[in-house]
C-alpha atoms as a PDB file:
ATOM      1  CA  MET A   1       0.029  -0.006  -0.023  1.00  0.00           C
ATOM      2  CA  ILE A   2       1.237   3.376  -0.884  1.00  0.00           C
ATOM      3  CA  ASN A   3       2.149   5.843   2.058  1.00  0.00           C
ATOM      4  CA  GLU A   4      -0.706   8.566   2.565  1.00  0.00           C
ATOM      5  CA  LYS A   5       1.529  11.530   2.649  1.00  0.00           C
ATOM      6  CA  VAL A   6       3.431  10.286  -0.506  1.00  0.00           C
ATOM      7  CA  GLU A   7      -0.099   9.630  -2.204  1.00  0.00           C
ATOM      8  CA  ARG A   8      -0.990  13.066  -1.472  1.00  0.00           C
ATOM      9  CA  LEU A   9       2.271  14.411  -3.216  1.00  0.00           C
ATOM     10  CA  LEU A  10       1.834  12.193  -6.141  1.00  0.00           C
ATOM     11  CA  ASN A  11      -1.788  13.345  -6.906  1.00  0.00           C
ATOM     12  CA  GLU A  12      -0.457  17.076  -6.414  1.00  0.00           C
ATOM     13  CA  GLN A  13       2.249  15.999  -9.074  1.00  0.00           C
ATOM     14  CA  VAL A  14      -0.398  14.666 -11.363  1.00  0.00           C
ATOM     15  CA  THR A  15      -2.184  17.858 -11.225  1.00  0.00           C
ATOM     16  CA  TYR A  16       1.158  19.781 -11.810  1.00  0.00           C
ATOM     17  CA  GLU A  17       1.966  17.855 -14.687  1.00  0.00           C
ATOM     18  CA  LEU A  18      -1.433  18.439 -16.359  1.00  0.00           C
ATOM     19  CA  TYR A  19      -0.890  22.134 -15.709  1.00  0.00           C
ATOM     20  CA  SER A  20       2.548  21.747 -17.500  1.00  0.00           C
ATOM     21  CA  ALA A  21       0.782  20.288 -20.366  1.00  0.00           C
ATOM     22  CA  GLN A  22      -1.670  23.148 -20.530  1.00  0.00           C
ATOM     23  CA  LEU A  23       1.151  25.579 -20.075  1.00  0.00           C
ATOM     24  CA  TYR A  24       3.155  24.048 -23.139  1.00  0.00           C
ATOM     25  CA  LEU A  25      -0.110  23.880 -25.293  1.00  0.00           C
ATOM     26  CA  SER A  26      -0.618  27.831 -24.564  1.00  0.00           C
ATOM     27  CA  MET A  27       2.972  28.455 -25.440  1.00  0.00           C
ATOM     28  CA  SER A  28       2.325  26.410 -28.692  1.00  0.00           C
ATOM     29  CA  SER A  29      -0.557  28.486 -29.433  1.00  0.00           C
ATOM     30  CA  TRP A  30       1.172  31.517 -28.907  1.00  0.00           C
ATOM     31  CA  PHE A  31       3.921  30.592 -31.124  1.00  0.00           C
ATOM     32  CA  ALA A  32       1.512  29.817 -33.753  1.00  0.00           C
ATOM     33  CA  SER A  33      -0.098  33.192 -33.619  1.00  0.00           C
ATOM     34  CA  LYS A  34       3.370  34.601 -34.308  1.00  0.00           C
ATOM     35  CA  ASP A  35       3.811  32.514 -37.316  1.00  0.00           C
ATOM     36  CA  LEU A  36       6.810  30.436 -35.521  1.00  0.00           C
ATOM     37  CA  ASP A  37       5.353  27.194 -36.645  1.00  0.00           C
ATOM     38  CA  GLY A  38       8.458  25.146 -35.496  1.00  0.00           C
ATOM     39  CA  PHE A  39       8.306  26.458 -32.016  1.00  0.00           C
ATOM     40  CA  ALA A  40       4.642  25.835 -31.979  1.00  0.00           C
ATOM     41  CA  LYS A  41       5.191  22.263 -32.954  1.00  0.00           C
ATOM     42  CA  TRP A  42       7.971  21.876 -30.434  1.00  0.00           C
ATOM     43  CA  TYR A  43       5.814  23.019 -27.553  1.00  0.00           C
ATOM     44  CA  TYR A  44       2.944  21.045 -28.791  1.00  0.00           C
ATOM     45  CA  ALA A  45       4.844  17.929 -28.570  1.00  0.00           C
ATOM     46  CA  GLN A  46       6.061  19.001 -25.253  1.00  0.00           C
ATOM     47  CA  ALA A  47       2.412  19.171 -24.121  1.00  0.00           C
ATOM     48  CA  TYR A  48       1.865  15.670 -24.968  1.00  0.00           C
ATOM     49  CA  GLU A  49       4.936  14.719 -22.975  1.00  0.00           C
ATOM     50  CA  GLU A  50       3.741  16.396 -19.928  1.00  0.00           C
ATOM     51  CA  LYS A  51       0.451  14.629 -20.194  1.00  0.00           C
ATOM     52  CA  ALA A  52       2.180  11.371 -20.455  1.00  0.00           C
ATOM     53  CA  HIS A  53       4.107  12.105 -17.164  1.00  0.00           C
ATOM     54  CA  ALA A  54       0.946  12.735 -15.570  1.00  0.00           C
ATOM     55  CA  MET A  55      -0.367   9.438 -16.712  1.00  0.00           C
ATOM     56  CA  ILE A  56       2.655   7.726 -15.623  1.00  0.00           C
ATOM     57  CA  ILE A  57       2.207   8.667 -12.316  1.00  0.00           C
ATOM     58  CA  TYR A  58      -1.587   8.401 -12.320  1.00  0.00           C
ATOM     59  CA  ASN A  59      -1.004   4.847 -13.391  1.00  0.00           C
ATOM     60  CA  TYR A  60       1.572   4.152 -10.782  1.00  0.00           C
ATOM     61  CA  ILE A  61      -0.742   5.401  -7.903  1.00  0.00           C
ATOM     62  CA  ILE A  62      -3.479   3.094  -9.017  1.00  0.00           C
ATOM     63  CA  THR A  63      -1.006   0.161  -9.347  1.00  0.00           C
ATOM     64  CA  ALA A  64       0.503   0.844  -5.976  1.00  0.00           C
ATOM     65  CA  GLY A  65      -2.978   0.673  -4.287  1.00  0.00           C
ATOM     66  CA  GLY A  66      -3.700   4.144  -3.948  1.00  0.00           C
ATOM     67  CA  ARG A  67      -6.395   6.386  -5.514  1.00  0.00           C
ATOM     68  CA  ALA A  68      -5.564   8.930  -8.150  1.00  0.00           C
ATOM     69  CA  LEU A  69      -7.547  12.185  -7.328  1.00  0.00           C
ATOM     70  CA  LEU A  70      -8.074  14.725 -10.019  1.00  0.00           C
ATOM     71  CA  GLU A  71      -8.132  18.195  -8.962  1.00  0.00           C
ATOM     72  CA  PRO A  72      -8.888  21.581 -11.085  1.00  0.00           C
ATOM     73  CA  ILE A  73      -6.096  22.833 -13.001  1.00  0.00           C
ATOM     74  CA  ASP A  74      -5.226  26.470 -12.934  1.00  0.00           C
ATOM     75  CA  ALA A  75      -5.423  28.298 -16.424  1.00  0.00           C
ATOM     76  CA  PRO A  76      -1.885  28.937 -17.879  1.00  0.00           C
ATOM     77  CA  PRO A  77      -0.878  32.310 -19.074  1.00  0.00           C
ATOM     78  CA  HIS A  78      -1.899  32.988 -22.578  1.00  0.00           C
ATOM     79  CA  GLU A  79       0.146  36.078 -23.554  1.00  0.00           C
ATOM     80  CA  TRP A  80       4.140  36.824 -23.179  1.00  0.00           C
ATOM     81  CA  GLU A  81       5.832  39.968 -23.593  1.00  0.00           C
ATOM     82  CA  SER A  82       8.523  38.487 -25.950  1.00  0.00           C
ATOM     83  CA  LEU A  83      10.186  35.358 -26.744  1.00  0.00           C
ATOM     84  CA  SER A  84      12.856  35.902 -24.408  1.00  0.00           C
ATOM     85  CA  ASN A  85      10.121  36.293 -21.594  1.00  0.00           C
ATOM     86  CA  LEU A  86       8.620  33.098 -22.608  1.00  0.00           C
ATOM     87  CA  PHE A  87      11.946  31.131 -22.611  1.00  0.00           C
ATOM     88  CA  ASP A  88      12.650  32.477 -19.198  1.00  0.00           C
ATOM     89  CA  GLU A  89       9.231  31.214 -17.929  1.00  0.00           C
ATOM     90  CA  HIS A  90       9.973  27.712 -19.585  1.00  0.00           C
ATOM     91  CA  VAL A  91      13.274  27.459 -17.696  1.00  0.00           C
ATOM     92  CA  LYS A  92      11.831  28.562 -14.344  1.00  0.00           C
ATOM     93  CA  HIS A  93       8.869  26.321 -14.926  1.00  0.00           C
ATOM     94  CA  GLU A  94      11.092  23.303 -15.215  1.00  0.00           C
ATOM     95  CA  GLU A  95      13.276  24.392 -12.319  1.00  0.00           C
ATOM     96  CA  LEU A  96       9.980  24.474 -10.175  1.00  0.00           C
ATOM     97  CA  VAL A  97       9.126  20.950 -11.550  1.00  0.00           C
ATOM     98  CA  THR A  98      12.523  19.642 -10.652  1.00  0.00           C
ATOM     99  CA  SER A  99      12.087  20.878  -6.964  1.00  0.00           C
ATOM    100  CA  LEU A 100       8.655  19.067  -6.801  1.00  0.00           C
ATOM    101  CA  ILE A 101      10.101  15.845  -7.954  1.00  0.00           C
ATOM    102  CA  TYR A 102      13.102  16.234  -5.515  1.00  0.00           C
ATOM    103  CA  ASN A 103      10.471  16.958  -2.727  1.00  0.00           C
ATOM    104  CA  ILE A 104       8.563  13.819  -3.623  1.00  0.00           C
ATOM    105  CA  VAL A 105      11.946  11.713  -3.394  1.00  0.00           C
ATOM    106  CA  ASP A 106      12.914  13.297  -0.080  1.00  0.00           C
ATOM    107  CA  VAL A 107       9.597  12.596   1.481  1.00  0.00           C
ATOM    108  CA  SER A 108       9.231   9.132  -0.041  1.00  0.00           C
ATOM    109  CA  ARG A 109      12.810   8.417   1.660  1.00  0.00           C
ATOM    110  CA  GLN A 110      11.587   9.969   5.053  1.00  0.00           C
ATOM    111  CA  GLU A 111       8.431   7.881   4.960  1.00  0.00           C
ATOM    112  CA  LYS A 112      10.449   4.967   3.920  1.00  0.00           C
ATOM    113  CA  ASP A 113       8.402   4.446   0.824  1.00  0.00           C
ATOM    114  CA  PHE A 114      11.174   2.979  -1.108  1.00  0.00           C
ATOM    115  CA  LYS A 115       9.100   1.763  -4.042  1.00  0.00           C
ATOM    116  CA  VAL A 116       8.088   5.484  -4.638  1.00  0.00           C
ATOM    117  CA  ASP A 117      11.863   6.412  -4.278  1.00  0.00           C
ATOM    118  CA  GLN A 118      12.992   3.854  -6.881  1.00  0.00           C
ATOM    119  CA  PHE A 119      10.058   4.765  -9.283  1.00  0.00           C
ATOM    120  CA  PHE A 120      10.855   8.448  -9.144  1.00  0.00           C
ATOM    121  CA  GLN A 121      14.428   8.030 -10.273  1.00  0.00           C
ATOM    122  CA  TRP A 122      13.032   7.908 -13.823  1.00  0.00           C
ATOM    123  CA  PHE A 123      11.688  11.290 -13.220  1.00  0.00           C
ATOM    124  CA  VAL A 124      14.789  12.626 -11.511  1.00  0.00           C
ATOM    125  CA  GLU A 125      16.629  11.812 -14.874  1.00  0.00           C
ATOM    126  CA  GLU A 126      13.840  13.025 -17.034  1.00  0.00           C
ATOM    127  CA  GLN A 127      14.135  16.389 -15.283  1.00  0.00           C
ATOM    128  CA  VAL A 128      17.763  16.568 -16.298  1.00  0.00           C
ATOM    129  CA  GLU A 129      16.821  16.401 -20.011  1.00  0.00           C
ATOM    130  CA  GLU A 130      13.798  18.877 -19.319  1.00  0.00           C
ATOM    131  CA  GLU A 131      16.025  21.559 -17.707  1.00  0.00           C
ATOM    132  CA  GLU A 132      18.735  21.061 -20.471  1.00  0.00           C
ATOM    133  CA  ASN A 133      16.181  21.664 -23.176  1.00  0.00           C
ATOM    134  CA  ALA A 134      14.675  24.645 -21.782  1.00  0.00           C
ATOM    135  CA  ASN A 135      18.240  26.174 -21.013  1.00  0.00           C
ATOM    136  CA  ARG A 136      19.251  25.169 -24.560  1.00  0.00           C
ATOM    137  CA  ILE A 137      16.474  26.751 -26.150  1.00  0.00           C
ATOM    138  CA  LYS A 138      16.956  29.981 -24.103  1.00  0.00           C
ATOM    139  CA  GLY A 139      20.535  29.946 -24.743  1.00  0.00           C
ATOM    140  CA  ARG A 140      20.388  29.586 -28.455  1.00  0.00           C
ATOM    141  CA  TYR A 141      17.466  32.105 -28.791  1.00  0.00           C
ATOM    142  CA  GLU A 142      19.842  34.724 -26.774  1.00  0.00           C
ATOM    143  CA  ALA A 143      22.790  33.966 -28.995  1.00  0.00           C
ATOM    144  CA  LEU A 144      21.080  33.788 -32.239  1.00  0.00           C
ATOM    145  CA  ALA A 145      17.803  35.691 -32.200  1.00  0.00           C
ATOM    146  CA  ARG A 146      18.982  39.159 -32.882  1.00  0.00           C
ATOM    147  CA  ASP A 147      19.464  37.816 -36.448  1.00  0.00           C
ATOM    148  CA  GLY A 148      16.153  37.107 -38.186  1.00  0.00           C
ATOM    149  CA  LYS A 149      17.629  34.228 -40.630  1.00  0.00           C
ATOM    150  CA  ALA A 150      18.968  32.718 -37.569  1.00  0.00           C
ATOM    151  CA  LEU A 151      15.518  32.833 -35.764  1.00  0.00           C
ATOM    152  CA  TYR A 152      13.956  31.487 -38.980  1.00  0.00           C
ATOM    153  CA  LEU A 153      16.570  28.385 -38.972  1.00  0.00           C
ATOM    154  CA  MET A 154      16.059  27.928 -35.225  1.00  0.00           C
ATOM    155  CA  ASP A 155      12.330  27.896 -35.909  1.00  0.00           C
ATOM    156  CA  GLN A 156      12.914  25.235 -38.653  1.00  0.00           C
ATOM    157  CA  GLU A 157      15.162  23.062 -36.478  1.00  0.00           C
ATOM    158  CA  MET A 158      12.337  23.139 -33.569  1.00  0.00           C
ATOM    159  CA  GLY A 159       9.964  21.994 -36.008  1.00  0.00           C
ATOM    160  CA  THR A 160      11.644  18.766 -36.721  1.00  0.00           C
ATOM    161  CA  ARG A 161      10.661  17.405 -33.179  1.00  0.00           C
ATOM    162  CA  VAL A 162       8.790  14.318 -33.351  1.00  0.00           C
ATOM    163  CA  TYR A 163       6.790  13.174 -30.150  1.00  0.00           C
ATOM    164  CA  ALA A 164       7.275   9.591 -29.045  1.00  0.00           C
ATOM    165  CA  PRO A 165       5.413   8.328 -25.869  1.00  0.00           C
ATOM    166  CA  PRO A 166       7.946   7.558 -23.005  1.00  0.00           C
ATOM    167  CA  ALA A 167       8.670   3.751 -22.935  1.00  0.00           C
ATOM    168  CA  LEU A 168       7.518   3.651 -19.310  1.00  0.00           C
ATOM    169  CA  LEU A 169       4.030   4.822 -20.374  1.00  0.00           C
ATOM    170  CA  THR A 170       3.616   2.458 -23.051  1.00  0.00           C
ATOM    171  CA  THR A 171       4.807  -0.504 -20.712  1.00  0.00           C
ATOM    172  CA  MET A 172       2.409   0.556 -18.030  1.00  0.00           C
ATOM    173  CA  GLU A 173      -0.418   1.043 -20.477  1.00  0.00           C
ATOM    174  CA  ALA A 174       0.235  -2.360 -21.769  1.00  0.00           C
ATOM    175  CA  GLY A 175      -0.040  -3.890 -18.309  1.00  0.00           C
ATOM    176  CA  GLU A 176       3.545  -5.128 -18.367  1.00  0.00           C
END
């Protein structure tokens, strides 16, 4: 059986991952409105990835004998002052998610819920990638965006992203 305190944190994380999906979908829409279709595609795929993270945790809660409780999701922002402002928010958001993941690991260890600790190591590693992506996008923009041609090429590169569901999700959904 899953520890009550840890179960509460996992449910909060499901809600936060769903908020992340909404945030990135909102960013995707904003980019589309600016005719930056490559960025729009990248953030659209990111929204799917965040939803997958929520579903992984949701499935884990149920598999571990807990109950997934869905809470209301706050509306994300719809406007940003600039590309730079949006990229700053992306970085800060991923840093916040990392801190929430670390808190779950910390509390699961305190509560001796070692199954959750072990399970969440995947998320710890995933957050390294998430923060790296956010910082890379921001850094490239800061280095290149003053040049319209470079921004065009960056937009084209961002549009090459293809979403692939995490193997952990497809394994869980297959009941393996």
